[in-house]
Amino acid sequence: MLVAFLIVILGLTPSLLSLWVMRQADARSQARLRLAMESVANRPLAGLRLPPDFRYVEGIGYMIGDLSCRFNARSGHIRCAVNPCGPCEGCSHYQELPIRELANNQQS
């Protein structure tokens, strides 16, 4: 009977030891995560500056470039199909939208 008890104890020891080590590691990682979240919460977000040609359009969001240009992509990621990296100032492909198209684009 004693031999059977020792075999059971010996068989359970590695799993109990593993469970204890996992709980210790989890507690350490939770503490490190809490410290990281606290340090980020107290830090100002100075690096989030928008380029000067970003414009906010209500209902759509931020768009890049000159919105009166025919080739403007009306996107927050690229300026236009012809000159996606910009800048819009002095672009040789600039074509102003007719007033009718400009009004239709603002309505939709």
N, C-alpha and C. Protein backbone atom coordinates (compact mmCIF):
# COMPACT_ATOMS: atom_id res chain seq x y z
N MET A 1 0.81 -1.19 0.00
CA MET A 1 0.00 0.00 0.00
C MET A 1 0.86 1.26 0.00
N LEU A 2 1.92 1.27 0.78
CA LEU A 2 2.83 2.40 0.84
C LEU A 2 3.52 2.62 -0.49
N VAL A 3 3.87 1.53 -1.17
CA VAL A 3 4.54 1.64 -2.47
C VAL A 3 3.59 2.28 -3.48
N ALA A 4 2.33 1.91 -3.48
CA ALA A 4 1.34 2.49 -4.40
C ALA A 4 1.17 3.98 -4.13
N PHE A 5 1.14 4.35 -2.85
CA PHE A 5 1.02 5.76 -2.47
C PHE A 5 2.23 6.56 -2.96
N LEU A 6 3.43 6.03 -2.82
CA LEU A 6 4.64 6.71 -3.28
C LEU A 6 4.66 6.85 -4.81
N ILE A 7 4.16 5.84 -5.51
CA ILE A 7 4.11 5.91 -6.97
C ILE A 7 3.14 7.02 -7.42
N VAL A 8 2.01 7.12 -6.74
CA VAL A 8 1.04 8.16 -7.08
C VAL A 8 1.63 9.54 -6.80
N ILE A 9 2.26 9.70 -5.65
CA ILE A 9 2.88 10.98 -5.30
C ILE A 9 3.98 11.33 -6.30
N LEU A 10 4.81 10.38 -6.64
CA LEU A 10 5.88 10.59 -7.62
C LEU A 10 5.31 10.93 -8.99
N GLY A 11 4.19 10.34 -9.35
CA GLY A 11 3.57 10.62 -10.64
C GLY A 11 2.94 12.00 -10.71
N LEU A 12 2.41 12.49 -9.58
CA LEU A 12 1.76 13.80 -9.55
C LEU A 12 2.74 14.95 -9.34
N THR A 13 3.90 14.70 -8.84
CA THR A 13 4.86 15.75 -8.52
C THR A 13 5.23 16.61 -9.74
N PRO A 14 5.57 16.05 -10.91
CA PRO A 14 5.92 16.90 -12.05
C PRO A 14 4.78 17.81 -12.50
N SER A 15 3.56 17.29 -12.50
CA SER A 15 2.44 18.13 -12.94
C SER A 15 2.15 19.24 -11.92
N LEU A 16 2.26 18.95 -10.64
CA LEU A 16 2.06 19.99 -9.63
C LEU A 16 3.15 21.04 -9.69
N LEU A 17 4.38 20.61 -9.91
CA LEU A 17 5.50 21.54 -10.06
C LEU A 17 5.31 22.42 -11.30
N SER A 18 4.87 21.82 -12.38
CA SER A 18 4.62 22.56 -13.62
C SER A 18 3.51 23.59 -13.41
N LEU A 19 2.45 23.21 -12.73
CA LEU A 19 1.35 24.13 -12.45
C LEU A 19 1.84 25.31 -11.61
N TRP A 20 2.66 25.07 -10.63
CA TRP A 20 3.19 26.14 -9.79
C TRP A 20 4.07 27.10 -10.60
N VAL A 21 4.92 26.56 -11.48
CA VAL A 21 5.80 27.39 -12.31
C VAL A 21 4.97 28.23 -13.28
N MET A 22 3.92 27.64 -13.87
CA MET A 22 3.07 28.38 -14.79
C MET A 22 2.34 29.53 -14.10
N ARG A 23 1.88 29.31 -12.89
CA ARG A 23 1.21 30.38 -12.14
C ARG A 23 2.17 31.51 -11.79
N GLN A 24 3.39 31.17 -11.45
CA GLN A 24 4.40 32.19 -11.16
C GLN A 24 4.70 33.02 -12.41
N ALA A 25 4.86 32.35 -13.54
CA ALA A 25 5.15 33.05 -14.80
C ALA A 25 3.97 33.94 -15.19
N ASP A 26 2.76 33.46 -15.01
CA ASP A 26 1.58 34.25 -15.33
C ASP A 26 1.50 35.49 -14.44
N ALA A 27 1.77 35.35 -13.17
CA ALA A 27 1.75 36.50 -12.26
C ALA A 27 2.80 37.52 -12.66
N ARG A 28 4.01 37.06 -13.04
CA ARG A 28 5.06 37.99 -13.48
C ARG A 28 4.65 38.71 -14.75
N SER A 29 4.08 37.99 -15.71
CA SER A 29 3.70 38.63 -16.97
C SER A 29 2.55 39.62 -16.76
N GLN A 30 1.62 39.31 -15.89
CA GLN A 30 0.53 40.25 -15.58
C GLN A 30 1.08 41.52 -14.93
N ALA A 31 2.04 41.38 -14.05
CA ALA A 31 2.64 42.55 -13.40
C ALA A 31 3.39 43.40 -14.42
N ARG A 32 4.14 42.77 -15.33
CA ARG A 32 4.86 43.51 -16.36
C ARG A 32 3.90 44.21 -17.31
N LEU A 33 2.80 43.56 -17.67
CA LEU A 33 1.79 44.17 -18.53
C LEU A 33 1.15 45.37 -17.85
N ARG A 34 0.85 45.24 -16.58
CA ARG A 34 0.26 46.35 -15.83
C ARG A 34 1.21 47.54 -15.79
N LEU A 35 2.50 47.30 -15.56
CA LEU A 35 3.48 48.38 -15.55
C LEU A 35 3.60 49.04 -16.92
N ALA A 36 3.58 48.24 -17.98
CA ALA A 36 3.67 48.80 -19.33
C ALA A 36 2.45 49.66 -19.65
N MET A 37 1.28 49.20 -19.26
CA MET A 37 0.07 49.98 -19.53
C MET A 37 0.06 51.29 -18.74
N GLU A 38 0.54 51.26 -17.52
CA GLU A 38 0.60 52.48 -16.71
C GLU A 38 1.60 53.47 -17.28
N SER A 39 2.75 52.97 -17.77
CA SER A 39 3.76 53.88 -18.31
C SER A 39 3.29 54.51 -19.61
N VAL A 40 2.55 53.79 -20.43
CA VAL A 40 2.04 54.35 -21.68
C VAL A 40 0.90 55.33 -21.41
N ALA A 41 0.09 55.07 -20.40
CA ALA A 41 -1.03 55.95 -20.09
C ALA A 41 -0.56 57.32 -19.64
N ASN A 42 0.61 57.40 -19.04
CA ASN A 42 1.12 58.67 -18.52
C ASN A 42 2.00 59.41 -19.53
N ARG A 43 2.27 58.81 -20.68
CA ARG A 43 3.15 59.41 -21.68
C ARG A 43 2.33 60.20 -22.69
N PRO A 44 2.75 61.43 -23.04
CA PRO A 44 2.00 62.20 -24.04
C PRO A 44 2.22 61.63 -25.44
N LEU A 45 1.25 61.83 -26.31
CA LEU A 45 1.32 61.33 -27.68
C LEU A 45 1.77 62.45 -28.62
N ALA A 46 3.03 62.84 -28.54
CA ALA A 46 3.55 63.94 -29.34
C ALA A 46 3.79 63.55 -30.78
N GLY A 47 3.95 62.27 -31.08
CA GLY A 47 4.29 61.85 -32.43
C GLY A 47 3.12 61.76 -33.39
N LEU A 48 1.90 62.07 -32.94
CA LEU A 48 0.74 61.94 -33.80
C LEU A 48 0.37 63.29 -34.42
N ARG A 49 1.18 63.73 -35.36
CA ARG A 49 0.89 64.98 -36.06
C ARG A 49 0.47 64.66 -37.48
N LEU A 50 -0.61 65.27 -37.93
CA LEU A 50 -1.10 65.03 -39.28
C LEU A 50 -0.38 65.96 -40.26
N PRO A 51 -0.13 65.48 -41.47
CA PRO A 51 0.47 66.36 -42.48
C PRO A 51 -0.45 67.55 -42.77
N PRO A 52 0.10 68.66 -43.27
CA PRO A 52 -0.72 69.86 -43.46
C PRO A 52 -1.80 69.70 -44.54
N ASP A 53 -1.66 68.74 -45.45
CA ASP A 53 -2.68 68.61 -46.49
C ASP A 53 -3.77 67.60 -46.15
N PHE A 54 -3.88 67.20 -44.87
CA PHE A 54 -4.99 66.36 -44.42
C PHE A 54 -6.18 67.28 -44.18
N ARG A 55 -7.33 66.87 -44.67
CA ARG A 55 -8.55 67.64 -44.44
C ARG A 55 -9.63 66.69 -43.93
N TYR A 56 -10.41 67.16 -43.00
CA TYR A 56 -11.50 66.34 -42.45
C TYR A 56 -12.78 66.66 -43.19
N VAL A 57 -13.42 65.63 -43.71
CA VAL A 57 -14.71 65.77 -44.39
C VAL A 57 -15.72 65.00 -43.55
N GLU A 58 -16.75 65.71 -43.12
CA GLU A 58 -17.73 65.09 -42.22
C GLU A 58 -18.43 63.93 -42.92
N GLY A 59 -18.53 62.81 -42.22
CA GLY A 59 -19.18 61.63 -42.75
C GLY A 59 -18.22 60.69 -43.46
N ILE A 60 -17.05 61.21 -43.86
CA ILE A 60 -16.07 60.38 -44.57
C ILE A 60 -14.81 60.19 -43.73
N GLY A 61 -14.31 61.26 -43.17
CA GLY A 61 -13.09 61.19 -42.36
C GLY A 61 -12.01 62.06 -42.96
N TYR A 62 -10.75 61.74 -42.66
CA TYR A 62 -9.63 62.52 -43.16
C TYR A 62 -9.27 62.10 -44.57
N MET A 63 -9.00 63.10 -45.42
CA MET A 63 -8.56 62.84 -46.78
C MET A 63 -7.32 63.68 -47.06
N ILE A 64 -6.48 63.18 -47.95
CA ILE A 64 -5.22 63.84 -48.27
C ILE A 64 -5.35 64.58 -49.58
N GLY A 65 -4.68 65.71 -49.67
CA GLY A 65 -4.53 66.41 -50.95
C GLY A 65 -5.59 67.46 -51.20
N ASP A 66 -5.54 67.99 -52.42
CA ASP A 66 -6.45 69.04 -52.87
C ASP A 66 -7.75 68.39 -53.33
N LEU A 67 -8.82 68.64 -52.63
CA LEU A 67 -10.10 67.99 -52.93
C LEU A 67 -10.77 68.55 -54.17
N SER A 68 -10.30 69.69 -54.68
CA SER A 68 -10.90 70.25 -55.88
C SER A 68 -10.27 69.68 -57.15
N CYS A 69 -9.28 68.81 -57.05
CA CYS A 69 -8.62 68.22 -58.21
C CYS A 69 -9.40 67.01 -58.71
N ARG A 70 -9.47 66.88 -60.03
CA ARG A 70 -10.19 65.77 -60.65
C ARG A 70 -9.56 64.43 -60.28
N PHE A 71 -8.25 64.36 -60.11
CA PHE A 71 -7.55 63.10 -59.88
C PHE A 71 -7.41 62.74 -58.40
N ASN A 72 -7.94 63.55 -57.50
CA ASN A 72 -7.83 63.26 -56.07
C ASN A 72 -8.54 61.94 -55.76
N ALA A 73 -7.88 61.08 -54.98
CA ALA A 73 -8.43 59.75 -54.68
C ALA A 73 -9.49 59.78 -53.59
N ARG A 74 -9.64 60.92 -52.90
CA ARG A 74 -10.59 61.04 -51.79
C ARG A 74 -10.39 59.91 -50.80
N SER A 75 -9.13 59.78 -50.38
CA SER A 75 -8.71 58.71 -49.48
C SER A 75 -7.79 59.30 -48.42
N GLY A 76 -7.69 58.60 -47.32
CA GLY A 76 -6.76 58.99 -46.27
C GLY A 76 -5.39 58.36 -46.45
N HIS A 77 -5.21 57.57 -47.51
CA HIS A 77 -3.96 56.85 -47.70
C HIS A 77 -3.13 57.35 -48.88
N ILE A 78 -3.78 57.67 -50.00
CA ILE A 78 -3.06 58.21 -51.16
C ILE A 78 -3.73 59.50 -51.61
N ARG A 79 -2.96 60.37 -52.25
CA ARG A 79 -3.49 61.65 -52.69
C ARG A 79 -4.31 61.53 -53.97
N CYS A 80 -3.66 60.96 -55.00
CA CYS A 80 -4.35 60.88 -56.28
C CYS A 80 -3.77 59.74 -57.11
N ALA A 81 -4.43 59.49 -58.26
CA ALA A 81 -3.99 58.40 -59.13
C ALA A 81 -2.73 58.77 -59.89
N VAL A 82 -2.55 60.03 -60.20
CA VAL A 82 -1.41 60.47 -61.02
C VAL A 82 -0.17 60.69 -60.17
N ASN A 83 -0.33 61.32 -59.01
CA ASN A 83 0.80 61.69 -58.15
C ASN A 83 0.49 61.24 -56.72
N PRO A 84 0.53 59.92 -56.43
CA PRO A 84 0.07 59.43 -55.13
C PRO A 84 0.89 59.90 -53.94
N CYS A 85 2.16 60.19 -54.12
CA CYS A 85 3.00 60.60 -53.00
C CYS A 85 3.00 62.11 -52.79
N GLY A 86 2.47 62.86 -53.76
CA GLY A 86 2.34 64.31 -53.60
C GLY A 86 3.62 65.04 -53.87
N PRO A 87 3.70 66.28 -53.60
CA PRO A 87 2.66 67.17 -53.08
C PRO A 87 1.74 67.66 -54.19
N CYS A 88 0.61 68.22 -53.79
CA CYS A 88 -0.37 68.72 -54.76
C CYS A 88 0.02 70.08 -55.32
N GLU A 89 0.73 70.88 -54.55
CA GLU A 89 1.12 72.20 -54.99
C GLU A 89 2.08 72.08 -56.17
N GLY A 90 1.73 72.75 -57.27
CA GLY A 90 2.59 72.76 -58.44
C GLY A 90 2.53 71.50 -59.28
N CYS A 91 1.55 70.64 -59.07
CA CYS A 91 1.43 69.40 -59.84
C CYS A 91 1.04 69.74 -61.27
N SER A 92 1.72 69.17 -62.24
CA SER A 92 1.44 69.47 -63.65
C SER A 92 0.17 68.80 -64.13
N HIS A 93 -0.37 67.84 -63.40
CA HIS A 93 -1.56 67.10 -63.81
C HIS A 93 -2.84 67.64 -63.17
N TYR A 94 -2.75 68.75 -62.44
CA TYR A 94 -3.91 69.29 -61.74
C TYR A 94 -4.99 69.70 -62.74
N GLN A 95 -6.21 69.22 -62.52
CA GLN A 95 -7.37 69.64 -63.29
C GLN A 95 -8.50 69.90 -62.30
N GLU A 96 -8.99 71.13 -62.30
CA GLU A 96 -10.04 71.48 -61.35
C GLU A 96 -11.35 70.82 -61.76
N LEU A 97 -12.07 70.31 -60.77
CA LEU A 97 -13.37 69.70 -61.03
C LEU A 97 -14.37 70.78 -61.42
N PRO A 98 -15.23 70.48 -62.39
CA PRO A 98 -16.32 71.44 -62.66
C PRO A 98 -17.21 71.56 -61.43
N ILE A 99 -17.90 72.67 -61.29
CA ILE A 99 -18.71 72.93 -60.10
C ILE A 99 -19.78 71.86 -59.94
N ARG A 100 -20.36 71.37 -61.00
CA ARG A 100 -21.42 70.36 -60.93
C ARG A 100 -20.88 69.07 -60.31
N GLU A 101 -19.70 68.62 -60.76
CA GLU A 101 -19.09 67.40 -60.21
C GLU A 101 -18.68 67.60 -58.76
N LEU A 102 -18.17 68.79 -58.45
CA LEU A 102 -17.75 69.10 -57.08
C LEU A 102 -18.95 69.03 -56.15
N ALA A 103 -20.10 69.55 -56.57
CA ALA A 103 -21.32 69.51 -55.74
C ALA A 103 -21.81 68.07 -55.59
N ASN A 104 -21.75 67.28 -56.65
CA ASN A 104 -22.16 65.87 -56.57
C ASN A 104 -21.27 65.08 -55.64
N ASN A 105 -19.96 65.33 -55.65
CA ASN A 105 -19.04 64.62 -54.78
C ASN A 105 -19.25 64.99 -53.32
N GLN A 106 -19.63 66.25 -53.07
CA GLN A 106 -19.84 66.65 -51.69
C GLN A 106 -21.15 66.08 -51.15
N GLN A 107 -22.12 65.83 -52.00
CA GLN A 107 -23.39 65.28 -51.54
C GLN A 107 -23.28 63.80 -51.23
N SER A 108 -22.44 63.07 -51.97
CA SER A 108 -22.34 61.62 -51.76
C SER A 108 -21.29 61.25 -50.75
